[in-house]
Amino acid sequence: MREICRKCSQREVAINYHKNGTTYYRSVCDHCSKKRIKSNFPWEKAGYKKKNICDRCGFHSKHPEQFNVFHIDGDLRNCRHLNLKTVCANCQRIFNKEETRWRRGDLVPDF
């Protein structure tokens, strides 16, 4: 009998591979191994989630791929929620083209 998944404690662990007649198992079940997605973005690790509306122009979309997370002070390591805003791809391009930053007062922090 297989061991139980370390993460969910409900399902049996998944088979990893067979070698020389021996079966080797993973430490988690198939369901938990598929859910495990590691984030490469510090703002995601800090708990910030992209919105479906641009904080600058108000553009709405069903697809989060059309939005970027913008750091108001320009410091990518500063992932405080008051420093992060969701902007659409168009606004992001405008910022890059004009090489301007948002001035104090252009954004209202979320409470």
PDB file of N, CA and C in Angstrom:
ATOM      1  N   MET A   1       0.843  -1.176   0.000  1.00  0.00           N
ATOM      2  CA  MET A   1       0.000   0.000   0.000  1.00  0.00           C
ATOM      3  C   MET A   1       0.895   1.249   0.000  1.00  0.00           C
ATOM      4  N   ARG A   2       0.483   2.249  -0.764  1.00  0.00           N
ATOM      5  CA  ARG A   2       1.241   3.505  -0.865  1.00  0.00           C
ATOM      6  C   ARG A   2       1.050   4.375   0.368  1.00  0.00           C
ATOM      7  N   GLU A   3       2.006   5.284   0.541  1.00  0.00           N
ATOM      8  CA  GLU A   3       1.894   6.263   1.622  1.00  0.00           C
ATOM      9  C   GLU A   3       0.844   7.306   1.244  1.00  0.00           C
ATOM     10  N   ILE A   4       0.464   8.091   2.219  1.00  0.00           N
ATOM     11  CA  ILE A   4      -0.510   9.168   2.020  1.00  0.00           C
ATOM     12  C   ILE A   4       0.250  10.459   1.707  1.00  0.00           C
ATOM     13  N   CYS A   5      -0.340  11.308   0.888  1.00  0.00           N
ATOM     14  CA  CYS A   5       0.247  12.585   0.486  1.00  0.00           C
ATOM     15  C   CYS A   5       0.598  13.434   1.712  1.00  0.00           C
ATOM     16  N   ARG A   6       1.794  14.008   1.704  1.00  0.00           N
ATOM     17  CA  ARG A   6       2.242  14.848   2.830  1.00  0.00           C
ATOM     18  C   ARG A   6       1.515  16.181   2.882  1.00  0.00           C
ATOM     19  N   LYS A   7       1.033  16.643   1.736  1.00  0.00           N
ATOM     20  CA  LYS A   7       0.424  17.972   1.673  1.00  0.00           C
ATOM     21  C   LYS A   7      -1.056  17.948   2.053  1.00  0.00           C
ATOM     22  N   CYS A   8      -1.839  17.084   1.403  1.00  0.00           N
ATOM     23  CA  CYS A   8      -3.286  17.084   1.643  1.00  0.00           C
ATOM     24  C   CYS A   8      -3.734  16.005   2.622  1.00  0.00           C
ATOM     25  N   SER A   9      -2.916  14.998   2.843  1.00  0.00           N
ATOM     26  CA  SER A   9      -3.212  13.881   3.757  1.00  0.00           C
ATOM     27  C   SER A   9      -4.500  13.157   3.404  1.00  0.00           C
ATOM     28  N   GLN A  10      -4.853  13.130   2.103  1.00  0.00           N
ATOM     29  CA  GLN A  10      -6.086  12.481   1.685  1.00  0.00           C
ATOM     30  C   GLN A  10      -5.855  11.398   0.640  1.00  0.00           C
ATOM     31  N   ARG A  11      -5.012  11.674  -0.346  1.00  0.00           N
ATOM     32  CA  ARG A  11      -4.813  10.747  -1.458  1.00  0.00           C
ATOM     33  C   ARG A  11      -3.482  10.020  -1.314  1.00  0.00           C
ATOM     34  N   GLU A  12      -3.379   8.919  -2.075  1.00  0.00           N
ATOM     35  CA  GLU A  12      -2.109   8.196  -2.103  1.00  0.00           C
ATOM     36  C   GLU A  12      -1.096   8.958  -2.936  1.00  0.00           C
ATOM     37  N   VAL A  13       0.191   8.806  -2.594  1.00  0.00           N
ATOM     38  CA  VAL A  13       1.243   9.494  -3.329  1.00  0.00           C
ATOM     39  C   VAL A  13       1.309   8.974  -4.758  1.00  0.00           C
ATOM     40  N   ALA A  14       1.825   9.809  -5.659  1.00  0.00           N
ATOM     41  CA  ALA A  14       1.906   9.457  -7.074  1.00  0.00           C
ATOM     42  C   ALA A  14       3.149   8.622  -7.341  1.00  0.00           C
ATOM     43  N   ILE A  15       3.071   7.812  -8.384  1.00  0.00           N
ATOM     44  CA  ILE A  15       4.220   7.025  -8.816  1.00  0.00           C
ATOM     45  C   ILE A  15       5.160   7.944  -9.576  1.00  0.00           C
ATOM     46  N   ASN A  16       6.421   7.908  -9.236  1.00  0.00           N
ATOM     47  CA  ASN A  16       7.415   8.730  -9.901  1.00  0.00           C
ATOM     48  C   ASN A  16       7.994   7.980 -11.097  1.00  0.00           C
ATOM     49  N   TYR A  17       8.548   6.762 -10.845  1.00  0.00           N
ATOM     50  CA  TYR A  17       9.078   5.952 -11.930  1.00  0.00           C
ATOM     51  C   TYR A  17       9.307   4.525 -11.443  1.00  0.00           C
ATOM     52  N   HIS A  18       9.548   3.610 -12.407  1.00  0.00           N
ATOM     53  CA  HIS A  18       9.879   2.210 -12.128  1.00  0.00           C
ATOM     54  C   HIS A  18      11.298   1.959 -12.601  1.00  0.00           C
ATOM     55  N   LYS A  19      12.086   1.242 -11.786  1.00  0.00           N
ATOM     56  CA  LYS A  19      13.456   0.930 -12.181  1.00  0.00           C
ATOM     57  C   LYS A  19      13.835  -0.422 -11.581  1.00  0.00           C
ATOM     58  N   ASN A  20      14.279  -1.332 -12.439  1.00  0.00           N
ATOM     59  CA  ASN A  20      14.703  -2.672 -12.018  1.00  0.00           C
ATOM     60  C   ASN A  20      13.657  -3.375 -11.162  1.00  0.00           C
ATOM     61  N   GLY A  21      12.405  -3.254 -11.553  1.00  0.00           N
ATOM     62  CA  GLY A  21      11.329  -3.916 -10.834  1.00  0.00           C
ATOM     63  C   GLY A  21      10.898  -3.228  -9.546  1.00  0.00           C
ATOM     64  N   THR A  22      11.509  -2.109  -9.204  1.00  0.00           N
ATOM     65  CA  THR A  22      11.152  -1.368  -7.997  1.00  0.00           C
ATOM     66  C   THR A  22      10.380  -0.110  -8.395  1.00  0.00           C
ATOM     67  N   THR A  23       9.329   0.177  -7.662  1.00  0.00           N
ATOM     68  CA  THR A  23       8.528   1.366  -7.916  1.00  0.00           C
ATOM     69  C   THR A  23       8.944   2.455  -6.943  1.00  0.00           C
ATOM     70  N   TYR A  24       9.209   3.650  -7.472  1.00  0.00           N
ATOM     71  CA  TYR A  24       9.587   4.802  -6.662  1.00  0.00           C
ATOM     72  C   TYR A  24       8.433   5.800  -6.686  1.00  0.00           C
ATOM     73  N   TYR A  25       8.133   6.346  -5.517  1.00  0.00           N
ATOM     74  CA  TYR A  25       6.984   7.222  -5.361  1.00  0.00           C
ATOM     75  C   TYR A  25       7.424   8.650  -5.052  1.00  0.00           C
ATOM     76  N   ARG A  26       6.534   9.591  -5.356  1.00  0.00           N
ATOM     77  CA  ARG A  26       6.737  10.989  -4.979  1.00  0.00           C
ATOM     78  C   ARG A  26       6.304  11.171  -3.537  1.00  0.00           C
ATOM     79  N   SER A  27       6.503  12.365  -3.012  1.00  0.00           N
ATOM     80  CA  SER A  27       6.060  12.631  -1.638  1.00  0.00           C
ATOM     81  C   SER A  27       4.645  13.209  -1.598  1.00  0.00           C
ATOM     82  N   VAL A  28       4.114  13.588  -2.780  1.00  0.00           N
ATOM     83  CA  VAL A  28       2.768  14.161  -2.848  1.00  0.00           C
ATOM     84  C   VAL A  28       1.952  13.437  -3.918  1.00  0.00           C
ATOM     85  N   CYS A  29       0.639  13.619  -3.883  1.00  0.00           N
ATOM     86  CA  CYS A  29      -0.250  13.014  -4.872  1.00  0.00           C
ATOM     87  C   CYS A  29      -0.222  13.817  -6.176  1.00  0.00           C
ATOM     88  N   ASP A  30      -0.835  13.267  -7.222  1.00  0.00           N
ATOM     89  CA  ASP A  30      -0.881  13.953  -8.513  1.00  0.00           C
ATOM     90  C   ASP A  30      -1.587  15.298  -8.408  1.00  0.00           C
ATOM     91  N   HIS A  31      -2.668  15.342  -7.662  1.00  0.00           N
ATOM     92  CA  HIS A  31      -3.448  16.572  -7.528  1.00  0.00           C
ATOM     93  C   HIS A  31      -2.615  17.693  -6.903  1.00  0.00           C
ATOM     94  N   CYS A  32      -1.907  17.393  -5.830  1.00  0.00           N
ATOM     95  CA  CYS A  32      -1.095  18.417  -5.145  1.00  0.00           C
ATOM     96  C   CYS A  32       0.127  18.805  -5.970  1.00  0.00           C
ATOM     97  N   SER A  33       0.684  17.878  -6.717  1.00  0.00           N
ATOM     98  CA  SER A  33       1.866  18.216  -7.518  1.00  0.00           C
ATOM     99  C   SER A  33       1.504  19.127  -8.683  1.00  0.00           C
ATOM    100  N   LYS A  34       0.280  19.035  -9.177  1.00  0.00           N
ATOM    101  CA  LYS A  34      -0.151  19.921 -10.260  1.00  0.00           C
ATOM    102  C   LYS A  34      -0.516  21.301  -9.741  1.00  0.00           C
ATOM    103  N   LYS A  35      -0.959  21.406  -8.496  1.00  0.00           N
ATOM    104  CA  LYS A  35      -1.321  22.694  -7.908  1.00  0.00           C
ATOM    105  C   LYS A  35      -0.100  23.506  -7.516  1.00  0.00           C
ATOM    106  N   ARG A  36       1.023  22.857  -7.341  1.00  0.00           N
ATOM    107  CA  ARG A  36       2.215  23.527  -6.818  1.00  0.00           C
ATOM    108  C   ARG A  36       2.863  24.367  -7.901  1.00  0.00           C
ATOM    109  N   ILE A  37       2.585  25.661  -7.887  1.00  0.00           N
ATOM    110  CA  ILE A  37       3.147  26.607  -8.842  1.00  0.00           C
ATOM    111  C   ILE A  37       3.961  27.613  -8.051  1.00  0.00           C
ATOM    112  N   LYS A  38       5.210  27.732  -8.391  1.00  0.00           N
ATOM    113  CA  LYS A  38       6.064  28.682  -7.688  1.00  0.00           C
ATOM    114  C   LYS A  38       6.034  30.015  -8.409  1.00  0.00           C
ATOM    115  N   SER A  39       5.965  31.055  -7.648  1.00  0.00           N
ATOM    116  CA  SER A  39       5.930  32.394  -8.206  1.00  0.00           C
ATOM    117  C   SER A  39       7.340  32.936  -8.380  1.00  0.00           C
ATOM    118  N   ASN A  40       7.568  33.622  -9.480  1.00  0.00           N
ATOM    119  CA  ASN A  40       8.854  34.252  -9.722  1.00  0.00           C
ATOM    120  C   ASN A  40       8.820  35.733  -9.418  1.00  0.00           C
ATOM    121  N   PHE A  41       7.653  36.251  -9.072  1.00  0.00           N
ATOM    122  CA  PHE A  41       7.498  37.673  -8.847  1.00  0.00           C
ATOM    123  C   PHE A  41       7.455  37.982  -7.357  1.00  0.00           C
ATOM    124  N   PRO A  42       8.281  38.927  -6.908  1.00  0.00           N
ATOM    125  CA  PRO A  42       8.260  39.281  -5.480  1.00  0.00           C
ATOM    126  C   PRO A  42       6.916  39.831  -5.025  1.00  0.00           C
ATOM    127  N   TRP A  43       6.199  40.525  -5.904  1.00  0.00           N
ATOM    128  CA  TRP A  43       4.906  41.088  -5.514  1.00  0.00           C
ATOM    129  C   TRP A  43       3.874  39.988  -5.285  1.00  0.00           C
ATOM    130  N   GLU A  44       3.986  38.859  -5.993  1.00  0.00           N
ATOM    131  CA  GLU A  44       3.085  37.735  -5.729  1.00  0.00           C
ATOM    132  C   GLU A  44       3.429  37.076  -4.401  1.00  0.00           C
ATOM    133  N   LYS A  45       4.713  36.976  -4.128  1.00  0.00           N
ATOM    134  CA  LYS A  45       5.139  36.403  -2.849  1.00  0.00           C
ATOM    135  C   LYS A  45       4.690  37.276  -1.688  1.00  0.00           C
ATOM    136  N   ALA A  46       4.585  38.579  -1.927  1.00  0.00           N
ATOM    137  CA  ALA A  46       4.132  39.508  -0.886  1.00  0.00           C
ATOM    138  C   ALA A  46       2.614  39.467  -0.712  1.00  0.00           C
ATOM    139  N   GLY A  47       1.909  38.766  -1.602  1.00  0.00           N
ATOM    140  CA  GLY A  47       0.464  38.618  -1.477  1.00  0.00           C
ATOM    141  C   GLY A  47      -0.354  39.555  -2.341  1.00  0.00           C
ATOM    142  N   TYR A  48       0.286  40.347  -3.200  1.00  0.00           N
ATOM    143  CA  TYR A  48      -0.457  41.267  -4.063  1.00  0.00           C
ATOM    144  C   TYR A  48      -1.017  40.494  -5.252  1.00  0.00           C
ATOM    145  N   LYS A  49      -2.255  40.775  -5.617  1.00  0.00           N
ATOM    146  CA  LYS A  49      -2.884  40.129  -6.774  1.00  0.00           C
ATOM    147  C   LYS A  49      -3.293  41.194  -7.773  1.00  0.00           C
ATOM    148  N   LYS A  50      -3.064  40.896  -9.053  1.00  0.00           N
ATOM    149  CA  LYS A  50      -3.473  41.823 -10.111  1.00  0.00           C
ATOM    150  C   LYS A  50      -4.988  41.954 -10.120  1.00  0.00           C
ATOM    151  N   LYS A  51      -5.448  43.150 -10.407  1.00  0.00           N
ATOM    152  CA  LYS A  51      -6.883  43.404 -10.518  1.00  0.00           C
ATOM    153  C   LYS A  51      -7.302  43.249 -11.978  1.00  0.00           C
ATOM    154  N   ASN A  52      -8.591  43.309 -12.238  1.00  0.00           N
ATOM    155  CA  ASN A  52      -9.113  43.256 -13.606  1.00  0.00           C
ATOM    156  C   ASN A  52      -9.483  44.640 -14.103  1.00  0.00           C
ATOM    157  N   ILE A  53      -8.910  45.657 -13.474  1.00  0.00           N
ATOM    158  CA  ILE A  53      -9.157  47.041 -13.876  1.00  0.00           C
ATOM    159  C   ILE A  53      -7.854  47.827 -13.710  1.00  0.00           C
ATOM    160  N   CYS A  54      -7.591  48.712 -14.664  1.00  0.00           N
ATOM    161  CA  CYS A  54      -6.385  49.533 -14.609  1.00  0.00           C
ATOM    162  C   CYS A  54      -6.577  50.635 -13.577  1.00  0.00           C
ATOM    163  N   ASP A  55      -5.610  50.799 -12.687  1.00  0.00           N
ATOM    164  CA  ASP A  55      -5.694  51.837 -11.657  1.00  0.00           C
ATOM    165  C   ASP A  55      -5.473  53.229 -12.224  1.00  0.00           C
ATOM    166  N   ARG A  56      -4.978  53.341 -13.444  1.00  0.00           N
ATOM    167  CA  ARG A  56      -4.712  54.662 -14.022  1.00  0.00           C
ATOM    168  C   ARG A  56      -5.848  55.137 -14.924  1.00  0.00           C
ATOM    169  N   CYS A  57      -6.260  54.292 -15.880  1.00  0.00           N
ATOM    170  CA  CYS A  57      -7.258  54.751 -16.856  1.00  0.00           C
ATOM    171  C   CYS A  57      -8.633  54.111 -16.665  1.00  0.00           C
ATOM    172  N   GLY A  58      -8.733  53.062 -15.832  1.00  0.00           N
ATOM    173  CA  GLY A  58     -10.028  52.440 -15.585  1.00  0.00           C
ATOM    174  C   GLY A  58     -10.418  51.371 -16.583  1.00  0.00           C
ATOM    175  N   PHE A  59      -9.503  50.923 -17.447  1.00  0.00           N
ATOM    176  CA  PHE A  59      -9.787  49.884 -18.435  1.00  0.00           C
ATOM    177  C   PHE A  59     -10.133  48.579 -17.737  1.00  0.00           C
ATOM    178  N   HIS A  60     -11.225  47.921 -18.184  1.00  0.00           N
ATOM    179  CA  HIS A  60     -11.672  46.636 -17.634  1.00  0.00           C
ATOM    180  C   HIS A  60     -11.322  45.526 -18.617  1.00  0.00           C
ATOM    181  N   SER A  61     -10.951  44.360 -18.093  1.00  0.00           N
ATOM    182  CA  SER A  61     -10.688  43.213 -18.947  1.00  0.00           C
ATOM    183  C   SER A  61     -10.954  41.926 -18.186  1.00  0.00           C
ATOM    184  N   LYS A  62     -11.298  40.873 -18.927  1.00  0.00           N
ATOM    185  CA  LYS A  62     -11.466  39.545 -18.345  1.00  0.00           C
ATOM    186  C   LYS A  62     -10.133  38.814 -18.262  1.00  0.00           C
ATOM    187  N   HIS A  63      -9.154  39.281 -19.007  1.00  0.00           N
ATOM    188  CA  HIS A  63      -7.883  38.578 -19.114  1.00  0.00           C
ATOM    189  C   HIS A  63      -6.785  39.295 -18.329  1.00  0.00           C
ATOM    190  N   PRO A  64      -6.224  38.662 -17.299  1.00  0.00           N
ATOM    191  CA  PRO A  64      -5.179  39.314 -16.498  1.00  0.00           C
ATOM    192  C   PRO A  64      -3.870  39.522 -17.253  1.00  0.00           C
ATOM    193  N   GLU A  65      -3.711  38.870 -18.406  1.00  0.00           N
ATOM    194  CA  GLU A  65      -2.486  39.043 -19.197  1.00  0.00           C
ATOM    195  C   GLU A  65      -2.358  40.459 -19.752  1.00  0.00           C
ATOM    196  N   GLN A  66      -3.455  41.206 -19.791  1.00  0.00           N
ATOM    197  CA  GLN A  66      -3.424  42.565 -20.312  1.00  0.00           C
ATOM    198  C   GLN A  66      -2.966  43.581 -19.278  1.00  0.00           C
ATOM    199  N   PHE A  67      -2.682  43.114 -18.067  1.00  0.00           N
ATOM    200  CA  PHE A  67      -2.295  44.012 -16.985  1.00  0.00           C
ATOM    201  C   PHE A  67      -0.901  43.687 -16.473  1.00  0.00           C
ATOM    202  N   ASN A  68      -0.230  44.715 -15.972  1.00  0.00           N
ATOM    203  CA  ASN A  68       1.083  44.580 -15.352  1.00  0.00           C
ATOM    204  C   ASN A  68       1.014  45.185 -13.962  1.00  0.00           C
ATOM    205  N   VAL A  69       1.937  44.787 -13.123  1.00  0.00           N
ATOM    206  CA  VAL A  69       2.041  45.386 -11.796  1.00  0.00           C
ATOM    207  C   VAL A  69       3.101  46.475 -11.874  1.00  0.00           C
ATOM    208  N   PHE A  70       2.717  47.665 -11.485  1.00  0.00           N
ATOM    209  CA  PHE A  70       3.591  48.830 -11.576  1.00  0.00           C
ATOM    210  C   PHE A  70       4.042  49.236 -10.179  1.00  0.00           C
ATOM    211  N   HIS A  71       5.330  49.460 -10.003  1.00  0.00           N
ATOM    212  CA  HIS A  71       5.897  49.925  -8.738  1.00  0.00           C
ATOM    213  C   HIS A  71       5.963  51.457  -8.793  1.00  0.00           C
ATOM    214  N   ILE A  72       5.218  52.116  -7.954  1.00  0.00           N
ATOM    215  CA  ILE A  72       5.094  53.567  -8.004  1.00  0.00           C
ATOM    216  C   ILE A  72       6.436  54.258  -7.821  1.00  0.00           C
ATOM    217  N   ASP A  73       7.232  53.805  -6.851  1.00  0.00           N
ATOM    218  CA  ASP A  73       8.511  54.465  -6.601  1.00  0.00           C
ATOM    219  C   ASP A  73       9.632  53.964  -7.515  1.00  0.00           C
ATOM    220  N   GLY A  74       9.358  52.991  -8.364  1.00  0.00           N
ATOM    221  CA  GLY A  74      10.348  52.479  -9.300  1.00  0.00           C
ATOM    222  C   GLY A  74      11.265  51.417  -8.718  1.00  0.00           C
ATOM    223  N   ASP A  75      11.187  51.142  -7.428  1.00  0.00           N
ATOM    224  CA  ASP A  75      12.022  50.137  -6.773  1.00  0.00           C
ATOM    225  C   ASP A  75      11.305  48.794  -6.826  1.00  0.00           C
ATOM    226  N   LEU A  76      11.836  47.865  -7.618  1.00  0.00           N
ATOM    227  CA  LEU A  76      11.188  46.567  -7.792  1.00  0.00           C
ATOM    228  C   LEU A  76      11.247  45.701  -6.536  1.00  0.00           C
ATOM    229  N   ARG A  77      12.101  46.063  -5.599  1.00  0.00           N
ATOM    230  CA  ARG A  77      12.194  45.301  -4.346  1.00  0.00           C
ATOM    231  C   ARG A  77      11.184  45.784  -3.313  1.00  0.00           C
ATOM    232  N   ASN A  78      10.624  46.965  -3.509  1.00  0.00           N
ATOM    233  CA  ASN A  78       9.638  47.517  -2.591  1.00  0.00           C
ATOM    234  C   ASN A  78       8.262  46.978  -2.969  1.00  0.00           C
ATOM    235  N   CYS A  79       7.846  45.911  -2.319  1.00  0.00           N
ATOM    236  CA  CYS A  79       6.590  45.240  -2.669  1.00  0.00           C
ATOM    237  C   CYS A  79       5.495  45.478  -1.633  1.00  0.00           C
ATOM    238  N   ARG A  80       5.531  46.626  -0.991  1.00  0.00           N
ATOM    239  CA  ARG A  80       4.433  46.980  -0.095  1.00  0.00           C
ATOM    240  C   ARG A  80       3.199  47.245  -0.961  1.00  0.00           C
ATOM    241  N   HIS A  81       2.053  46.887  -0.451  1.00  0.00           N
ATOM    242  CA  HIS A  81       0.821  47.028  -1.236  1.00  0.00           C
ATOM    243  C   HIS A  81       0.525  48.473  -1.623  1.00  0.00           C
ATOM    244  N   LEU A  82       0.936  49.434  -0.810  1.00  0.00           N
ATOM    245  CA  LEU A  82       0.718  50.836  -1.156  1.00  0.00           C
ATOM    246  C   LEU A  82       1.598  51.285  -2.309  1.00  0.00           C
ATOM    247  N   ASN A  83       2.671  50.547  -2.594  1.00  0.00           N
ATOM    248  CA  ASN A  83       3.581  50.891  -3.685  1.00  0.00           C
ATOM    249  C   ASN A  83       3.215  50.197  -4.987  1.00  0.00           C
ATOM    250  N   LEU A  84       2.291  49.260  -4.972  1.00  0.00           N
ATOM    251  CA  LEU A  84       1.956  48.463  -6.152  1.00  0.00           C
ATOM    252  C   LEU A  84       0.604  48.861  -6.725  1.00  0.00           C
ATOM    253  N   LYS A  85       0.551  49.003  -8.030  1.00  0.00           N
ATOM    254  CA  LYS A  85      -0.692  49.308  -8.736  1.00  0.00           C
ATOM    255  C   LYS A  85      -0.787  48.437  -9.973  1.00  0.00           C
ATOM    256  N   THR A  86      -2.000  48.098 -10.361  1.00  0.00           N
ATOM    257  CA  THR A  86      -2.247  47.331 -11.571  1.00  0.00           C
ATOM    258  C   THR A  86      -2.521  48.309 -12.706  1.00  0.00           C
ATOM    259  N   VAL A  87      -1.746  48.198 -13.789  1.00  0.00           N
ATOM    260  CA  VAL A  87      -1.940  49.075 -14.948  1.00  0.00           C
ATOM    261  C   VAL A  87      -2.087  48.218 -16.205  1.00  0.00           C
ATOM    262  N   CYS A  88      -2.828  48.733 -17.167  1.00  0.00           N
ATOM    263  CA  CYS A  88      -3.009  48.024 -18.428  1.00  0.00           C
ATOM    264  C   CYS A  88      -1.732  48.146 -19.267  1.00  0.00           C
ATOM    265  N   ALA A  89      -1.633  47.311 -20.277  1.00  0.00           N
ATOM    266  CA  ALA A  89      -0.442  47.306 -21.126  1.00  0.00           C
ATOM    267  C   ALA A  89      -0.265  48.642 -21.840  1.00  0.00           C
ATOM    268  N   ASN A  90      -1.365  49.304 -22.207  1.00  0.00           N
ATOM    269  CA  ASN A  90      -1.279  50.592 -22.881  1.00  0.00           C
ATOM    270  C   ASN A  90      -0.667  51.653 -21.964  1.00  0.00           C
ATOM    271  N   CYS A  91      -1.134  51.719 -20.732  1.00  0.00           N
ATOM    272  CA  CYS A  91      -0.575  52.698 -19.790  1.00  0.00           C
ATOM    273  C   CYS A  91       0.889  52.394 -19.498  1.00  0.00           C
ATOM    274  N   GLN A  92       1.240  51.135 -19.410  1.00  0.00           N
ATOM    275  CA  GLN A  92       2.635  50.758 -19.173  1.00  0.00           C
ATOM    276  C   GLN A  92       3.522  51.229 -20.326  1.00  0.00           C
ATOM    277  N   ARG A  93       3.042  51.071 -21.560  1.00  0.00           N
ATOM    278  CA  ARG A  93       3.814  51.531 -22.723  1.00  0.00           C
ATOM    279  C   ARG A  93       3.962  53.047 -22.726  1.00  0.00           C
ATOM    280  N   ILE A  94       2.908  53.747 -22.350  1.00  0.00           N
ATOM    281  CA  ILE A  94       2.981  55.212 -22.283  1.00  0.00           C
ATOM    282  C   ILE A  94       4.026  55.639 -21.267  1.00  0.00           C
ATOM    283  N   PHE A  95       4.046  55.008 -20.106  1.00  0.00           N
ATOM    284  CA  PHE A  95       5.055  55.330 -19.096  1.00  0.00           C
ATOM    285  C   PHE A  95       6.454  55.076 -19.628  1.00  0.00           C
ATOM    286  N   ASN A  96       6.653  53.954 -20.316  1.00  0.00           N
ATOM    287  CA  ASN A  96       7.974  53.633 -20.846  1.00  0.00           C
ATOM    288  C   ASN A  96       8.392  54.604 -21.946  1.00  0.00           C
ATOM    289  N   LYS A  97       7.458  55.007 -22.804  1.00  0.00           N
ATOM    290  CA  LYS A  97       7.770  55.917 -23.899  1.00  0.00           C
ATOM    291  C   LYS A  97       8.106  57.309 -23.384  1.00  0.00           C
ATOM    292  N   GLU A  98       7.308  57.795 -22.449  1.00  0.00           N
ATOM    293  CA  GLU A  98       7.521  59.134 -21.909  1.00  0.00           C
ATOM    294  C   GLU A  98       8.595  59.159 -20.825  1.00  0.00           C
ATOM    295  N   GLU A  99       8.977  57.986 -20.331  1.00  0.00           N
ATOM    296  CA  GLU A  99       9.968  57.862 -19.260  1.00  0.00           C
ATOM    297  C   GLU A  99       9.607  58.733 -18.060  1.00  0.00           C
ATOM    298  N   THR A 100       8.350  58.709 -17.715  1.00  0.00           N
ATOM    299  CA  THR A 100       7.892  59.470 -16.556  1.00  0.00           C
ATOM    300  C   THR A 100       7.426  58.513 -15.480  1.00  0.00           C
ATOM    301  N   ARG A 101       7.400  58.998 -14.291  1.00  0.00           N
ATOM    302  CA  ARG A 101       6.879  58.248 -13.146  1.00  0.00           C
ATOM    303  C   ARG A 101       5.603  58.923 -12.687  1.00  0.00           C
ATOM    304  N   TRP A 102       4.798  58.189 -11.985  1.00  0.00           N
ATOM    305  CA  TRP A 102       3.610  58.800 -11.417  1.00  0.00           C
ATOM    306  C   TRP A 102       4.023  59.746 -10.322  1.00  0.00           C
ATOM    307  N   ARG A 103       3.412  60.892 -10.345  1.00  0.00           N
ATOM    308  CA  ARG A 103       3.709  61.886  -9.321  1.00  0.00           C
ATOM    309  C   ARG A 103       2.823  61.657  -8.109  1.00  0.00           C
ATOM    310  N   ARG A 104       3.272  62.152  -6.997  1.00  0.00           N
ATOM    311  CA  ARG A 104       2.500  62.030  -5.774  1.00  0.00           C
ATOM    312  C   ARG A 104       1.136  62.693  -5.997  1.00  0.00           C
ATOM    313  N   GLY A 105       0.084  61.971  -5.668  1.00  0.00           N
ATOM    314  CA  GLY A 105      -1.268  62.500  -5.846  1.00  0.00           C
ATOM    315  C   GLY A 105      -1.961  61.941  -7.094  1.00  0.00           C
ATOM    316  N   ASP A 106      -1.185  61.372  -8.046  1.00  0.00           N
ATOM    317  CA  ASP A 106      -1.800  60.776  -9.232  1.00  0.00           C
ATOM    318  C   ASP A 106      -2.556  59.502  -8.883  1.00  0.00           C
ATOM    319  N   LEU A 107      -2.114  58.819  -7.835  1.00  0.00           N
ATOM    320  CA  LEU A 107      -2.744  57.572  -7.416  1.00  0.00           C
ATOM    321  C   LEU A 107      -3.259  57.714  -5.994  1.00  0.00           C
ATOM    322  N   VAL A 108      -4.371  57.087  -5.761  1.00  0.00           N
ATOM    323  CA  VAL A 108      -4.927  57.044  -4.419  1.00  0.00           C
ATOM    324  C   VAL A 108      -4.683  55.633  -3.893  1.00  0.00           C
ATOM    325  N   PRO A 109      -4.044  55.465  -2.728  1.00  0.00           N
ATOM    326  CA  PRO A 109      -3.782  54.124  -2.217  1.00  0.00           C
ATOM    327  C   PRO A 109      -5.066  53.376  -1.896  1.00  0.00           C
ATOM    328  N   ASP A 110      -5.011  52.056  -2.053  1.00  0.00           N
ATOM    329  CA  ASP A 110      -6.134  51.198  -1.694  1.00  0.00           C
ATOM    330  C   ASP A 110      -6.140  50.990  -0.189  1.00  0.00           C
ATOM    331  N   PHE A 111      -7.310  51.049   0.393  1.00  0.00           N
ATOM    332  CA  PHE A 111      -7.416  50.836   1.833  1.00  0.00           C
ATOM    333  C   PHE A 111      -8.192  49.616   2.109  1.00  0.00           C
TER     334      PHE A 111
END
